[in-house]
Amino acid sequence: MTSLGPLSRSPLVDQATQRLREQIAGGHWPVGTRLPGETTLAQELGVGRSTVREAIRALSGAGLLAARQGSGVYVIATEPAEDWPTRLRRAAVVDLYEVRTMVEVRAARIAAARRTDEDLEAMDLALAERRRAAAEAGDAEFVDADIALHTAVVAAGHNPLLTGLFADFVPVLRRGLIDLMALVDLRAHDPALGDDTHAALVAAVRAGDPDRAGHIIERELDDTLRLLRRETS
């Protein structure tokens, strides 16, 4: 077994974590292998057991290691698991839209059943701002106004998980929509781009009609998804 070699310079925990990660990624400890004990690792790295313990905790949090009670610490992956924000940043806009459609169709249905007067006022204001941006603003500001209206509809469902999930989508969604508009010039013949559809969505939520609200948003997003697939194929 090759010695890991002692460490120097601080922070030692970061160095120990990096050294162990390199050993795992390099195949020194394949998936399924039990790591040497803390004492052995501490001696090889030239650090204390507490430093090793922290490094193992960090690698466990990254999805590389897992402790088995009474048995030891085992390698379960050679590459760190990406967290949700990282996956979203790396996602293709088509993949994002497929998930967005599932989220927003359900969110619109819930919004139609749960909306309050305050929610309806927020949607009306967002629709008015979308119309103003359509008449006066460039693509980036129009996209922001469009997303704000969709956000208001999602928020009307009063489900914090759905609201948080949609908020996670927004940065990647915004970039993808602005890029699409620059590529296709979607607003050349219709600066308001689907104003009737968005007004109908707000009306369906106001009327408390979940089926209609879900159908409207699904049709709108499916149309955009087809366009995205055509332009990215």
C-alpha atoms as a PDB file:
ATOM      1  CA  MET A   1       0.000   0.000   0.000  1.00  0.00           C
ATOM      2  CA  THR A   2       1.408   3.378  -1.019  1.00  0.00           C
ATOM      3  CA  SER A   3       1.893   5.885   1.774  1.00  0.00           C
ATOM      4  CA  LEU A   4      -0.246   8.996   1.507  1.00  0.00           C
ATOM      5  CA  GLY A   5       2.605  11.243   2.629  1.00  0.00           C
ATOM      6  CA  PRO A   6       2.504  13.810   5.426  1.00  0.00           C
ATOM      7  CA  LEU A   7       0.810  17.160   5.031  1.00  0.00           C
ATOM      8  CA  SER A   8       2.172  20.574   5.738  1.00  0.00           C
ATOM      9  CA  ARG A   9       0.567  24.027   5.826  1.00  0.00           C
ATOM     10  CA  SER A  10      -2.936  24.848   6.883  1.00  0.00           C
ATOM     11  CA  PRO A  11      -5.865  24.429   6.704  1.00  0.00           C
ATOM     12  CA  LEU A  12      -5.124  20.806   7.402  1.00  0.00           C
ATOM     13  CA  VAL A  13      -8.718  19.631   7.162  1.00  0.00           C
ATOM     14  CA  ASP A  14      -9.007  20.943   3.592  1.00  0.00           C
ATOM     15  CA  GLN A  15      -5.720  19.337   2.639  1.00  0.00           C
ATOM     16  CA  ALA A  16      -6.644  16.032   4.225  1.00  0.00           C
ATOM     17  CA  THR A  17      -9.991  16.078   2.466  1.00  0.00           C
ATOM     18  CA  GLN A  18      -8.360  16.812  -0.875  1.00  0.00           C
ATOM     19  CA  ARG A  19      -5.702  14.117  -0.413  1.00  0.00           C
ATOM     20  CA  LEU A  20      -8.272  11.473   0.464  1.00  0.00           C
ATOM     21  CA  ARG A  21     -10.486  12.574  -2.421  1.00  0.00           C
ATOM     22  CA  GLU A  22      -7.569  12.201  -4.834  1.00  0.00           C
ATOM     23  CA  GLN A  23      -6.927   8.692  -3.569  1.00  0.00           C
ATOM     24  CA  ILE A  24     -10.566   7.753  -4.065  1.00  0.00           C
ATOM     25  CA  ALA A  25     -10.858   9.372  -7.503  1.00  0.00           C
ATOM     26  CA  GLY A  26      -7.609   7.738  -8.591  1.00  0.00           C
ATOM     27  CA  GLY A  27      -8.853   4.261  -7.750  1.00  0.00           C
ATOM     28  CA  HIS A  28      -6.519   3.697  -4.804  1.00  0.00           C
ATOM     29  CA  TRP A  29      -9.619   2.790  -2.797  1.00  0.00           C
ATOM     30  CA  PRO A  30     -12.245   1.434  -5.235  1.00  0.00           C
ATOM     31  CA  VAL A  31     -15.959   1.601  -4.539  1.00  0.00           C
ATOM     32  CA  GLY A  32     -16.792  -0.902  -1.812  1.00  0.00           C
ATOM     33  CA  THR A  33     -13.388  -0.632  -0.134  1.00  0.00           C
ATOM     34  CA  ARG A  34     -13.170  -0.021   3.588  1.00  0.00           C
ATOM     35  CA  LEU A  35     -10.873   2.862   4.463  1.00  0.00           C
ATOM     36  CA  PRO A  36      -8.000   2.325   6.889  1.00  0.00           C
ATOM     37  CA  GLY A  37      -8.786   3.364  10.451  1.00  0.00           C
ATOM     38  CA  GLU A  38      -8.508   6.936  11.672  1.00  0.00           C
ATOM     39  CA  THR A  39      -5.244   6.218  13.484  1.00  0.00           C
ATOM     40  CA  THR A  40      -3.602   4.805  10.359  1.00  0.00           C
ATOM     41  CA  LEU A  41      -4.811   7.659   8.162  1.00  0.00           C
ATOM     42  CA  ALA A  42      -3.713  10.233  10.737  1.00  0.00           C
ATOM     43  CA  GLN A  43      -0.219   8.767  10.858  1.00  0.00           C
ATOM     44  CA  GLU A  44       0.132   8.667   7.077  1.00  0.00           C
ATOM     45  CA  LEU A  45      -1.139  12.205   6.642  1.00  0.00           C
ATOM     46  CA  GLY A  46       0.793  13.566   9.598  1.00  0.00           C
ATOM     47  CA  VAL A  47      -2.278  15.072  11.249  1.00  0.00           C
ATOM     48  CA  GLY A  48      -4.442  14.397  14.261  1.00  0.00           C
ATOM     49  CA  ARG A  49      -7.368  11.987  14.310  1.00  0.00           C
ATOM     50  CA  SER A  50      -9.796  14.887  14.662  1.00  0.00           C
ATOM     51  CA  THR A  51      -8.562  16.285  11.332  1.00  0.00           C
ATOM     52  CA  VAL A  52      -9.087  12.910   9.676  1.00  0.00           C
ATOM     53  CA  ARG A  53     -12.532  12.686  11.223  1.00  0.00           C
ATOM     54  CA  GLU A  54     -13.496  16.077   9.775  1.00  0.00           C
ATOM     55  CA  ALA A  55     -12.146  15.121   6.350  1.00  0.00           C
ATOM     56  CA  ILE A  56     -14.165  11.910   6.386  1.00  0.00           C
ATOM     57  CA  ARG A  57     -17.250  13.853   7.405  1.00  0.00           C
ATOM     58  CA  ALA A  58     -16.736  16.244   4.481  1.00  0.00           C
ATOM     59  CA  LEU A  59     -16.313  13.392   2.016  1.00  0.00           C
ATOM     60  CA  SER A  60     -19.367  11.656   3.419  1.00  0.00           C
ATOM     61  CA  GLY A  61     -21.336  14.846   2.865  1.00  0.00           C
ATOM     62  CA  ALA A  62     -20.101  14.892  -0.727  1.00  0.00           C
ATOM     63  CA  GLY A  63     -21.442  11.375  -1.236  1.00  0.00           C
ATOM     64  CA  LEU A  64     -18.076   9.626  -1.517  1.00  0.00           C
ATOM     65  CA  LEU A  65     -17.974   7.805   1.820  1.00  0.00           C
ATOM     66  CA  ALA A  66     -20.478   6.147   4.128  1.00  0.00           C
ATOM     67  CA  ALA A  67     -19.998   4.842   7.667  1.00  0.00           C
ATOM     68  CA  ARG A  68     -21.356   1.412   8.539  1.00  0.00           C
ATOM     69  CA  GLN A  69     -21.930   0.956  12.227  1.00  0.00           C
ATOM     70  CA  GLY A  70     -19.503  -1.476  13.748  1.00  0.00           C
ATOM     71  CA  SER A  71     -17.722  -2.034  10.438  1.00  0.00           C
ATOM     72  CA  GLY A  72     -15.968   1.145   9.359  1.00  0.00           C
ATOM     73  CA  VAL A  73     -16.049   3.766   6.607  1.00  0.00           C
ATOM     74  CA  TYR A  74     -16.534   2.593   3.020  1.00  0.00           C
ATOM     75  CA  VAL A  75     -16.091   4.192  -0.379  1.00  0.00           C
ATOM     76  CA  ILE A  76     -19.482   4.437  -2.115  1.00  0.00           C
ATOM     77  CA  ALA A  77     -18.609   6.696  -5.083  1.00  0.00           C
ATOM     78  CA  THR A  78     -15.539   8.033  -6.836  1.00  0.00           C
ATOM     79  CA  GLU A  79     -17.000  11.413  -7.828  1.00  0.00           C
ATOM     80  CA  PRO A  80     -18.827  13.844  -5.537  1.00  0.00           C
ATOM     81  CA  ALA A  81     -22.591  14.041  -5.926  1.00  0.00           C
ATOM     82  CA  GLU A  82     -23.706  17.345  -7.430  1.00  0.00           C
ATOM     83  CA  ASP A  83     -26.062  19.365  -5.302  1.00  0.00           C
ATOM     84  CA  TRP A  84     -29.369  20.600  -6.716  1.00  0.00           C
ATOM     85  CA  PRO A  85     -28.245  24.175  -7.544  1.00  0.00           C
ATOM     86  CA  THR A  86     -25.217  22.807  -9.405  1.00  0.00           C
ATOM     87  CA  ARG A  87     -27.364  20.396 -11.403  1.00  0.00           C
ATOM     88  CA  LEU A  88     -29.714  23.215 -12.334  1.00  0.00           C
ATOM     89  CA  ARG A  89     -26.852  25.438 -13.491  1.00  0.00           C
ATOM     90  CA  ARG A  90     -25.562  22.622 -15.709  1.00  0.00           C
ATOM     91  CA  ALA A  91     -28.981  21.581 -17.008  1.00  0.00           C
ATOM     92  CA  ALA A  92     -29.944  21.954 -20.631  1.00  0.00           C
ATOM     93  CA  VAL A  93     -32.836  24.370 -21.055  1.00  0.00           C
ATOM     94  CA  VAL A  94     -34.951  21.638 -22.714  1.00  0.00           C
ATOM     95  CA  ASP A  95     -34.520  19.394 -19.664  1.00  0.00           C
ATOM     96  CA  LEU A  96     -35.394  22.322 -17.417  1.00  0.00           C
ATOM     97  CA  TYR A  97     -38.556  23.054 -19.381  1.00  0.00           C
ATOM     98  CA  GLU A  98     -39.725  19.455 -19.144  1.00  0.00           C
ATOM     99  CA  VAL A  99     -39.503  19.624 -15.361  1.00  0.00           C
ATOM    100  CA  ARG A 100     -40.873  23.161 -15.293  1.00  0.00           C
ATOM    101  CA  THR A 101     -43.974  22.001 -17.137  1.00  0.00           C
ATOM    102  CA  MET A 102     -44.675  19.307 -14.555  1.00  0.00           C
ATOM    103  CA  VAL A 103     -44.199  21.767 -11.698  1.00  0.00           C
ATOM    104  CA  GLU A 104     -46.220  24.631 -13.129  1.00  0.00           C
ATOM    105  CA  VAL A 105     -49.175  22.586 -14.337  1.00  0.00           C
ATOM    106  CA  ARG A 106     -49.642  21.219 -10.841  1.00  0.00           C
ATOM    107  CA  ALA A 107     -48.953  24.624  -9.291  1.00  0.00           C
ATOM    108  CA  ALA A 108     -51.590  26.308 -11.470  1.00  0.00           C
ATOM    109  CA  ARG A 109     -54.182  23.714 -10.489  1.00  0.00           C
ATOM    110  CA  ILE A 110     -53.418  24.216  -6.810  1.00  0.00           C
ATOM    111  CA  ALA A 111     -53.444  28.000  -7.225  1.00  0.00           C
ATOM    112  CA  ALA A 112     -56.960  27.866  -8.697  1.00  0.00           C
ATOM    113  CA  ALA A 113     -58.148  26.018  -5.607  1.00  0.00           C
ATOM    114  CA  ARG A 114     -56.337  28.077  -2.968  1.00  0.00           C
ATOM    115  CA  ARG A 115     -55.878  31.620  -4.279  1.00  0.00           C
ATOM    116  CA  THR A 116     -56.776  34.511  -2.037  1.00  0.00           C
ATOM    117  CA  ASP A 117     -57.824  38.047  -2.906  1.00  0.00           C
ATOM    118  CA  GLU A 118     -54.242  39.140  -2.244  1.00  0.00           C
ATOM    119  CA  ASP A 119     -52.974  36.502  -4.677  1.00  0.00           C
ATOM    120  CA  LEU A 120     -55.367  37.690  -7.363  1.00  0.00           C
ATOM    121  CA  GLU A 121     -54.231  41.270  -6.852  1.00  0.00           C
ATOM    122  CA  ALA A 122     -50.590  40.177  -7.184  1.00  0.00           C
ATOM    123  CA  MET A 123     -51.365  38.321 -10.418  1.00  0.00           C
ATOM    124  CA  ASP A 124     -53.252  41.289 -11.831  1.00  0.00           C
ATOM    125  CA  LEU A 125     -50.322  43.580 -11.065  1.00  0.00           C
ATOM    126  CA  ALA A 126     -47.867  41.107 -12.580  1.00  0.00           C
ATOM    127  CA  LEU A 127     -49.993  40.802 -15.737  1.00  0.00           C
ATOM    128  CA  ALA A 128     -50.142  44.595 -16.037  1.00  0.00           C
ATOM    129  CA  GLU A 129     -46.363  44.815 -15.618  1.00  0.00           C
ATOM    130  CA  ARG A 130     -45.891  42.139 -18.275  1.00  0.00           C
ATOM    131  CA  ARG A 131     -48.014  44.204 -20.663  1.00  0.00           C
ATOM    132  CA  ARG A 132     -46.042  47.357 -19.853  1.00  0.00           C
ATOM    133  CA  ALA A 133     -42.755  45.551 -20.461  1.00  0.00           C
ATOM    134  CA  ALA A 134     -44.120  44.190 -23.732  1.00  0.00           C
ATOM    135  CA  ALA A 135     -44.879  47.706 -24.936  1.00  0.00           C
ATOM    136  CA  GLU A 136     -41.847  49.550 -23.608  1.00  0.00           C
ATOM    137  CA  ALA A 137     -38.987  47.218 -22.679  1.00  0.00           C
ATOM    138  CA  GLY A 138     -36.357  45.021 -24.230  1.00  0.00           C
ATOM    139  CA  ASP A 139     -36.249  41.248 -24.102  1.00  0.00           C
ATOM    140  CA  ALA A 140     -34.478  40.894 -20.736  1.00  0.00           C
ATOM    141  CA  GLU A 141     -36.971  43.106 -18.909  1.00  0.00           C
ATOM    142  CA  PHE A 142     -39.878  41.395 -20.655  1.00  0.00           C
ATOM    143  CA  VAL A 143     -38.572  37.972 -19.588  1.00  0.00           C
ATOM    144  CA  ASP A 144     -38.298  39.225 -15.997  1.00  0.00           C
ATOM    145  CA  ALA A 145     -41.907  40.437 -16.105  1.00  0.00           C
ATOM    146  CA  ASP A 146     -43.073  37.158 -17.622  1.00  0.00           C
ATOM    147  CA  ILE A 147     -41.316  35.108 -14.944  1.00  0.00           C
ATOM    148  CA  ALA A 148     -42.761  37.389 -12.259  1.00  0.00           C
ATOM    149  CA  LEU A 149     -46.283  36.557 -13.441  1.00  0.00           C
ATOM    150  CA  HIS A 150     -45.571  32.829 -13.409  1.00  0.00           C
ATOM    151  CA  THR A 151     -44.043  33.239  -9.945  1.00  0.00           C
ATOM    152  CA  ALA A 152     -47.217  34.945  -8.727  1.00  0.00           C
ATOM    153  CA  VAL A 153     -49.329  32.038  -9.980  1.00  0.00           C
ATOM    154  CA  VAL A 154     -47.082  29.479  -8.289  1.00  0.00           C
ATOM    155  CA  ALA A 155     -47.120  31.499  -5.057  1.00  0.00           C
ATOM    156  CA  ALA A 156     -50.927  31.483  -5.078  1.00  0.00           C
ATOM    157  CA  GLY A 157     -50.818  27.752  -4.398  1.00  0.00           C
ATOM    158  CA  HIS A 158     -49.370  28.438  -0.941  1.00  0.00           C
ATOM    159  CA  ASN A 159     -47.100  25.415  -1.108  1.00  0.00           C
ATOM    160  CA  PRO A 160     -43.632  26.496   0.088  1.00  0.00           C
ATOM    161  CA  LEU A 161     -41.915  23.545  -1.570  1.00  0.00           C
ATOM    162  CA  LEU A 162     -43.396  24.339  -4.975  1.00  0.00           C
ATOM    163  CA  THR A 163     -42.594  28.025  -4.515  1.00  0.00           C
ATOM    164  CA  GLY A 164     -39.009  27.221  -3.532  1.00  0.00           C
ATOM    165  CA  LEU A 165     -38.566  24.761  -6.383  1.00  0.00           C
ATOM    166  CA  PHE A 166     -39.741  27.290  -8.948  1.00  0.00           C
ATOM    167  CA  ALA A 167     -37.460  29.934  -7.433  1.00  0.00           C
ATOM    168  CA  ASP A 168     -34.541  27.544  -7.941  1.00  0.00           C
ATOM    169  CA  PHE A 169     -35.442  27.322 -11.634  1.00  0.00           C
ATOM    170  CA  VAL A 170     -35.559  31.066 -12.216  1.00  0.00           C
ATOM    171  CA  PRO A 171     -31.863  31.921 -12.855  1.00  0.00           C
ATOM    172  CA  VAL A 172     -31.387  29.158 -15.449  1.00  0.00           C
ATOM    173  CA  LEU A 173     -34.860  29.732 -16.870  1.00  0.00           C
ATOM    174  CA  ARG A 174     -34.216  33.456 -17.283  1.00  0.00           C
ATOM    175  CA  ARG A 175     -30.938  32.893 -19.107  1.00  0.00           C
ATOM    176  CA  GLY A 176     -32.481  30.276 -21.392  1.00  0.00           C
ATOM    177  CA  LEU A 177     -35.433  32.478 -22.340  1.00  0.00           C
ATOM    178  CA  ILE A 178     -33.270  35.514 -23.060  1.00  0.00           C
ATOM    179  CA  ASP A 179     -30.982  33.386 -25.231  1.00  0.00           C
ATOM    180  CA  LEU A 180     -33.979  31.922 -27.059  1.00  0.00           C
ATOM    181  CA  MET A 181     -35.405  35.362 -27.790  1.00  0.00           C
ATOM    182  CA  ALA A 182     -32.068  36.535 -29.136  1.00  0.00           C
ATOM    183  CA  LEU A 183     -31.837  33.432 -31.320  1.00  0.00           C
ATOM    184  CA  VAL A 184     -35.363  33.375 -32.727  1.00  0.00           C
ATOM    185  CA  ASP A 185     -36.582  36.973 -32.210  1.00  0.00           C
ATOM    186  CA  LEU A 186     -39.819  35.669 -30.741  1.00  0.00           C
ATOM    187  CA  ARG A 187     -41.306  39.112 -30.168  1.00  0.00           C
ATOM    188  CA  ALA A 188     -40.771  40.401 -33.701  1.00  0.00           C
ATOM    189  CA  HIS A 189     -44.413  39.896 -34.682  1.00  0.00           C
ATOM    190  CA  ASP A 190     -45.946  39.720 -31.193  1.00  0.00           C
ATOM    191  CA  PRO A 191     -44.210  41.980 -28.642  1.00  0.00           C
ATOM    192  CA  ALA A 192     -46.596  40.820 -25.892  1.00  0.00           C
ATOM    193  CA  LEU A 193     -45.894  37.173 -26.769  1.00  0.00           C
ATOM    194  CA  GLY A 194     -48.903  35.216 -25.564  1.00  0.00           C
ATOM    195  CA  ASP A 195     -50.736  37.957 -23.683  1.00  0.00           C
ATOM    196  CA  ASP A 196     -54.098  36.284 -24.325  1.00  0.00           C
ATOM    197  CA  THR A 197     -52.842  33.005 -22.878  1.00  0.00           C
ATOM    198  CA  HIS A 198     -51.476  34.652 -19.753  1.00  0.00           C
ATOM    199  CA  ALA A 199     -54.657  36.653 -19.252  1.00  0.00           C
ATOM    200  CA  ALA A 200     -56.654  33.429 -19.620  1.00  0.00           C
ATOM    201  CA  LEU A 201     -54.463  31.745 -17.019  1.00  0.00           C
ATOM    202  CA  VAL A 202     -55.116  34.514 -14.511  1.00  0.00           C
ATOM    203  CA  ALA A 203     -58.835  34.344 -15.307  1.00  0.00           C
ATOM    204  CA  ALA A 204     -58.919  30.581 -14.756  1.00  0.00           C
ATOM    205  CA  VAL A 205     -57.198  30.923 -11.386  1.00  0.00           C
ATOM    206  CA  ARG A 206     -59.621  33.705 -10.451  1.00  0.00           C
ATOM    207  CA  ALA A 207     -62.577  31.515 -11.462  1.00  0.00           C
ATOM    208  CA  GLY A 208     -61.300  28.666  -9.295  1.00  0.00           C
ATOM    209  CA  ASP A 209     -61.067  26.320 -12.301  1.00  0.00           C
ATOM    210  CA  PRO A 210     -58.098  23.957 -11.729  1.00  0.00           C
ATOM    211  CA  ASP A 211     -58.637  21.956 -14.929  1.00  0.00           C
ATOM    212  CA  ARG A 212     -58.655  25.025 -17.148  1.00  0.00           C
ATOM    213  CA  ALA A 213     -55.721  26.640 -15.356  1.00  0.00           C
ATOM    214  CA  GLY A 214     -53.654  23.473 -15.719  1.00  0.00           C
ATOM    215  CA  HIS A 215     -54.605  23.062 -19.367  1.00  0.00           C
ATOM    216  CA  ILE A 216     -53.684  26.646 -20.261  1.00  0.00           C
ATOM    217  CA  ILE A 217     -50.245  26.566 -18.668  1.00  0.00           C
ATOM    218  CA  GLU A 218     -49.506  23.111 -20.063  1.00  0.00           C
ATOM    219  CA  ARG A 219     -50.358  24.208 -23.594  1.00  0.00           C
ATOM    220  CA  GLU A 220     -48.258  27.355 -23.311  1.00  0.00           C
ATOM    221  CA  LEU A 221     -45.198  25.589 -21.936  1.00  0.00           C
ATOM    222  CA  ASP A 222     -45.531  22.705 -24.401  1.00  0.00           C
ATOM    223  CA  ASP A 223     -45.501  25.206 -27.275  1.00  0.00           C
ATOM    224  CA  THR A 224     -42.289  26.756 -25.954  1.00  0.00           C
ATOM    225  CA  LEU A 225     -40.775  23.337 -25.363  1.00  0.00           C
ATOM    226  CA  ARG A 226     -41.425  22.316 -28.967  1.00  0.00           C
ATOM    227  CA  LEU A 227     -39.713  25.499 -30.115  1.00  0.00           C
ATOM    228  CA  LEU A 228     -36.746  24.856 -27.851  1.00  0.00           C
ATOM    229  CA  ARG A 229     -36.359  21.332 -29.160  1.00  0.00           C
ATOM    230  CA  ARG A 230     -36.459  22.569 -32.734  1.00  0.00           C
ATOM    231  CA  GLU A 231     -33.871  25.278 -32.131  1.00  0.00           C
ATOM    232  CA  THR A 232     -31.492  23.101 -30.105  1.00  0.00           C
ATOM    233  CA  SER A 233     -31.689  19.967 -32.254  1.00  0.00           C
END
